[in-house]
Amino acid sequence: MRRPNPDHLVIVAVPSLSALLLNAEKLNGKPLTQSQVEAVRDSAAAIAVPTSAAEAVEERRGYKDVDFSHVWEEWQVLRRQFDQSKP
């Protein structure tokens, strides 16, 4: 069940979920499992902000962060992009 969101707030991880997951995978020394990815998400510091503030954060970061509700799927796409960018 979804909670009412009359103010249209967006959840933003600080630091980004992408950065947290990349660091966790480096420390792990191998790809994270789905349960590990979800554990990182569940322990991430996050704030609820208006959409305009979330867009400003995204612009400053220079990338769209992994979405909380699709963390496993989006992390798989992002980590492949990181792997392809390695020399």
N, C-alpha and C. Protein backbone atom coordinates (compact mmCIF):
# COMPACT_ATOMS: atom_id res chain seq x y z
N MET A 1 0.84 -1.18 0.00
CA MET A 1 0.00 0.00 0.00
C MET A 1 0.89 1.24 0.00
N ARG A 2 0.57 2.18 -0.85
CA ARG A 2 1.31 3.43 -0.93
C ARG A 2 0.74 4.44 0.06
N ARG A 3 1.63 5.21 0.62
CA ARG A 3 1.21 6.28 1.52
C ARG A 3 0.81 7.51 0.72
N PRO A 4 -0.10 8.31 1.25
CA PRO A 4 -0.44 9.56 0.56
C PRO A 4 0.79 10.46 0.48
N ASN A 5 0.92 11.18 -0.60
CA ASN A 5 2.05 12.07 -0.80
C ASN A 5 1.55 13.39 -1.40
N PRO A 6 0.73 14.13 -0.63
CA PRO A 6 0.12 15.34 -1.18
C PRO A 6 1.13 16.42 -1.55
N ASP A 7 2.30 16.41 -0.93
CA ASP A 7 3.32 17.42 -1.23
C ASP A 7 4.24 16.97 -2.37
N HIS A 8 4.02 15.76 -2.89
CA HIS A 8 4.82 15.22 -3.99
C HIS A 8 6.31 15.21 -3.66
N LEU A 9 6.62 14.72 -2.47
CA LEU A 9 8.01 14.64 -2.05
C LEU A 9 8.69 13.44 -2.69
N VAL A 10 10.00 13.57 -2.87
CA VAL A 10 10.83 12.53 -3.48
C VAL A 10 11.89 12.14 -2.46
N ILE A 11 12.20 10.86 -2.38
CA ILE A 11 13.24 10.38 -1.47
C ILE A 11 14.59 10.46 -2.17
N VAL A 12 15.56 11.11 -1.52
CA VAL A 12 16.90 11.27 -2.07
C VAL A 12 17.89 10.69 -1.06
N ALA A 13 18.75 9.79 -1.54
CA ALA A 13 19.79 9.22 -0.69
C ALA A 13 20.97 10.19 -0.61
N VAL A 14 21.54 10.32 0.59
CA VAL A 14 22.69 11.19 0.79
C VAL A 14 23.70 10.43 1.64
N PRO A 15 24.85 10.01 1.07
CA PRO A 15 25.24 10.14 -0.33
C PRO A 15 24.37 9.28 -1.24
N SER A 16 24.60 9.39 -2.54
CA SER A 16 23.76 8.69 -3.51
C SER A 16 23.83 7.18 -3.33
N LEU A 17 22.73 6.51 -3.67
CA LEU A 17 22.73 5.04 -3.64
C LEU A 17 23.78 4.49 -4.60
N SER A 18 23.97 5.14 -5.73
CA SER A 18 24.97 4.70 -6.69
C SER A 18 26.35 4.67 -6.05
N ALA A 19 26.71 5.74 -5.36
CA ALA A 19 28.01 5.81 -4.70
C ALA A 19 28.13 4.78 -3.58
N LEU A 20 27.08 4.63 -2.80
CA LEU A 20 27.10 3.64 -1.71
C LEU A 20 27.26 2.22 -2.25
N LEU A 21 26.54 1.91 -3.32
CA LEU A 21 26.62 0.56 -3.89
C LEU A 21 27.97 0.31 -4.54
N LEU A 22 28.50 1.30 -5.24
CA LEU A 22 29.82 1.14 -5.86
C LEU A 22 30.88 0.90 -4.79
N ASN A 23 30.83 1.66 -3.71
CA ASN A 23 31.78 1.48 -2.62
C ASN A 23 31.61 0.11 -1.96
N ALA A 24 30.38 -0.30 -1.72
CA ALA A 24 30.13 -1.60 -1.09
C ALA A 24 30.65 -2.73 -1.97
N GLU A 25 30.48 -2.60 -3.28
CA GLU A 25 30.96 -3.65 -4.18
C GLU A 25 32.48 -3.68 -4.22
N LYS A 26 33.12 -2.53 -4.19
CA LYS A 26 34.59 -2.49 -4.14
C LYS A 26 35.09 -3.16 -2.86
N LEU A 27 34.46 -2.85 -1.74
CA LEU A 27 34.86 -3.46 -0.47
C LEU A 27 34.60 -4.96 -0.46
N ASN A 28 33.54 -5.39 -1.12
CA ASN A 28 33.17 -6.80 -1.18
C ASN A 28 34.12 -7.60 -2.08
N GLY A 29 34.70 -6.92 -3.07
CA GLY A 29 35.63 -7.59 -3.97
C GLY A 29 34.98 -8.43 -5.05
N LYS A 30 33.68 -8.41 -5.11
CA LYS A 30 32.93 -9.15 -6.13
C LYS A 30 31.54 -8.55 -6.20
N PRO A 31 30.78 -8.90 -7.25
CA PRO A 31 29.43 -8.33 -7.37
C PRO A 31 28.56 -8.60 -6.14
N LEU A 32 27.79 -7.60 -5.78
CA LEU A 32 26.87 -7.74 -4.65
C LEU A 32 25.69 -8.61 -5.03
N THR A 33 25.18 -9.34 -4.07
CA THR A 33 23.95 -10.11 -4.28
C THR A 33 22.76 -9.18 -4.14
N GLN A 34 21.60 -9.66 -4.54
CA GLN A 34 20.40 -8.84 -4.41
C GLN A 34 20.14 -8.48 -2.95
N SER A 35 20.33 -9.42 -2.05
CA SER A 35 20.08 -9.11 -0.64
C SER A 35 21.10 -8.09 -0.11
N GLN A 36 22.33 -8.13 -0.59
CA GLN A 36 23.32 -7.14 -0.17
C GLN A 36 22.96 -5.75 -0.71
N VAL A 37 22.53 -5.69 -1.96
CA VAL A 37 22.11 -4.41 -2.56
C VAL A 37 20.94 -3.83 -1.78
N GLU A 38 19.98 -4.67 -1.46
CA GLU A 38 18.81 -4.20 -0.71
C GLU A 38 19.19 -3.78 0.71
N ALA A 39 20.18 -4.44 1.31
CA ALA A 39 20.64 -4.05 2.64
C ALA A 39 21.31 -2.67 2.60
N VAL A 40 22.10 -2.41 1.56
CA VAL A 40 22.71 -1.08 1.40
C VAL A 40 21.61 -0.04 1.27
N ARG A 41 20.62 -0.31 0.43
CA ARG A 41 19.49 0.62 0.26
C ARG A 41 18.78 0.86 1.59
N ASP A 42 18.50 -0.21 2.32
CA ASP A 42 17.73 -0.11 3.55
C ASP A 42 18.47 0.65 4.65
N SER A 43 19.80 0.67 4.58
CA SER A 43 20.57 1.36 5.61
C SER A 43 21.04 2.75 5.16
N ALA A 44 20.70 3.15 3.95
CA ALA A 44 21.14 4.44 3.42
C ALA A 44 20.42 5.59 4.12
N ALA A 45 21.17 6.66 4.36
CA ALA A 45 20.56 7.89 4.87
C ALA A 45 19.80 8.53 3.73
N ALA A 46 18.59 8.97 3.99
CA ALA A 46 17.77 9.56 2.94
C ALA A 46 16.91 10.67 3.51
N ILE A 47 16.56 11.59 2.62
CA ILE A 47 15.69 12.69 3.01
C ILE A 47 14.56 12.81 1.99
N ALA A 48 13.44 13.33 2.43
CA ALA A 48 12.31 13.60 1.55
C ALA A 48 12.35 15.08 1.18
N VAL A 49 12.39 15.34 -0.11
CA VAL A 49 12.50 16.72 -0.60
C VAL A 49 11.49 16.95 -1.72
N PRO A 50 11.16 18.20 -1.99
CA PRO A 50 10.30 18.49 -3.14
C PRO A 50 10.98 18.06 -4.44
N THR A 51 10.20 17.78 -5.45
CA THR A 51 10.73 17.35 -6.74
C THR A 51 11.79 18.31 -7.27
N SER A 52 11.56 19.60 -7.12
CA SER A 52 12.51 20.60 -7.63
C SER A 52 13.87 20.47 -6.94
N ALA A 53 13.87 20.19 -5.65
CA ALA A 53 15.12 20.01 -4.92
C ALA A 53 15.82 18.73 -5.36
N ALA A 54 15.06 17.67 -5.59
CA ALA A 54 15.65 16.41 -6.06
C ALA A 54 16.28 16.60 -7.43
N GLU A 55 15.62 17.36 -8.29
CA GLU A 55 16.18 17.64 -9.62
C GLU A 55 17.46 18.46 -9.51
N ALA A 56 17.52 19.39 -8.56
CA ALA A 56 18.72 20.20 -8.36
C ALA A 56 19.88 19.33 -7.87
N VAL A 57 19.59 18.39 -6.98
CA VAL A 57 20.62 17.46 -6.49
C VAL A 57 21.15 16.64 -7.66
N GLU A 58 20.24 16.11 -8.47
CA GLU A 58 20.63 15.31 -9.63
C GLU A 58 21.51 16.12 -10.58
N GLU A 59 21.15 17.36 -10.81
CA GLU A 59 21.94 18.21 -11.70
C GLU A 59 23.33 18.45 -11.14
N ARG A 60 23.44 18.71 -9.82
CA ARG A 60 24.75 18.92 -9.20
C ARG A 60 25.59 17.66 -9.26
N ARG A 61 24.96 16.50 -9.04
CA ARG A 61 25.70 15.24 -9.09
C ARG A 61 26.16 14.92 -10.51
N GLY A 62 25.35 15.30 -11.47
CA GLY A 62 25.68 15.02 -12.86
C GLY A 62 25.18 13.67 -13.34
N TYR A 63 24.34 13.02 -12.56
CA TYR A 63 23.77 11.73 -12.96
C TYR A 63 22.49 11.47 -12.17
N LYS A 64 21.66 10.60 -12.75
CA LYS A 64 20.42 10.17 -12.09
C LYS A 64 20.77 9.01 -11.18
N ASP A 65 20.38 9.10 -9.93
CA ASP A 65 20.70 8.05 -8.97
C ASP A 65 19.80 6.83 -9.16
N VAL A 66 20.23 5.72 -8.61
CA VAL A 66 19.44 4.49 -8.59
C VAL A 66 18.17 4.75 -7.78
N ASP A 67 17.05 4.28 -8.28
CA ASP A 67 15.76 4.47 -7.62
C ASP A 67 15.59 3.48 -6.47
N PHE A 68 15.12 3.95 -5.34
CA PHE A 68 14.93 3.10 -4.16
C PHE A 68 14.04 1.88 -4.46
N SER A 69 12.98 2.10 -5.21
CA SER A 69 12.01 1.02 -5.43
C SER A 69 12.44 0.03 -6.51
N HIS A 70 13.45 0.36 -7.28
CA HIS A 70 13.96 -0.54 -8.32
C HIS A 70 15.47 -0.72 -8.18
N VAL A 71 15.94 -0.75 -6.95
CA VAL A 71 17.38 -0.71 -6.68
C VAL A 71 18.14 -1.86 -7.33
N TRP A 72 17.63 -3.07 -7.25
CA TRP A 72 18.35 -4.22 -7.80
C TRP A 72 18.48 -4.12 -9.32
N GLU A 73 17.37 -3.87 -9.99
CA GLU A 73 17.37 -3.80 -11.45
C GLU A 73 18.24 -2.65 -11.95
N GLU A 74 18.09 -1.49 -11.36
CA GLU A 74 18.85 -0.32 -11.81
C GLU A 74 20.33 -0.45 -11.47
N TRP A 75 20.65 -1.09 -10.35
CA TRP A 75 22.05 -1.30 -10.01
C TRP A 75 22.71 -2.23 -11.03
N GLN A 76 22.01 -3.23 -11.51
CA GLN A 76 22.58 -4.13 -12.51
C GLN A 76 22.96 -3.37 -13.77
N VAL A 77 22.11 -2.46 -14.20
CA VAL A 77 22.40 -1.65 -15.39
C VAL A 77 23.59 -0.74 -15.12
N LEU A 78 23.59 -0.06 -13.99
CA LEU A 78 24.64 0.89 -13.67
C LEU A 78 25.99 0.20 -13.51
N ARG A 79 26.03 -0.94 -12.85
CA ARG A 79 27.32 -1.60 -12.64
C ARG A 79 27.90 -2.09 -13.96
N ARG A 80 27.06 -2.48 -14.92
CA ARG A 80 27.56 -2.86 -16.26
C ARG A 80 28.18 -1.65 -16.94
N GLN A 81 27.58 -0.49 -16.75
CA GLN A 81 28.14 0.74 -17.33
C GLN A 81 29.51 1.04 -16.72
N PHE A 82 29.65 0.85 -15.40
CA PHE A 82 30.94 1.04 -14.75
C PHE A 82 31.96 0.05 -15.29
N ASP A 83 31.57 -1.21 -15.44
CA ASP A 83 32.47 -2.24 -15.95
C ASP A 83 32.95 -1.91 -17.36
N GLN A 84 32.06 -1.40 -18.20
CA GLN A 84 32.41 -1.08 -19.58
C GLN A 84 33.32 0.14 -19.66
N SER A 85 33.27 1.01 -18.67
CA SER A 85 34.10 2.21 -18.70
C SER A 85 35.50 1.98 -18.15
N LYS A 86 35.76 0.79 -17.58
CA LYS A 86 37.09 0.49 -17.06
C LYS A 86 38.05 0.24 -18.22
N PRO A 87 39.30 0.73 -18.09
CA PRO A 87 40.29 0.52 -19.16
C PRO A 87 40.70 -0.93 -19.29
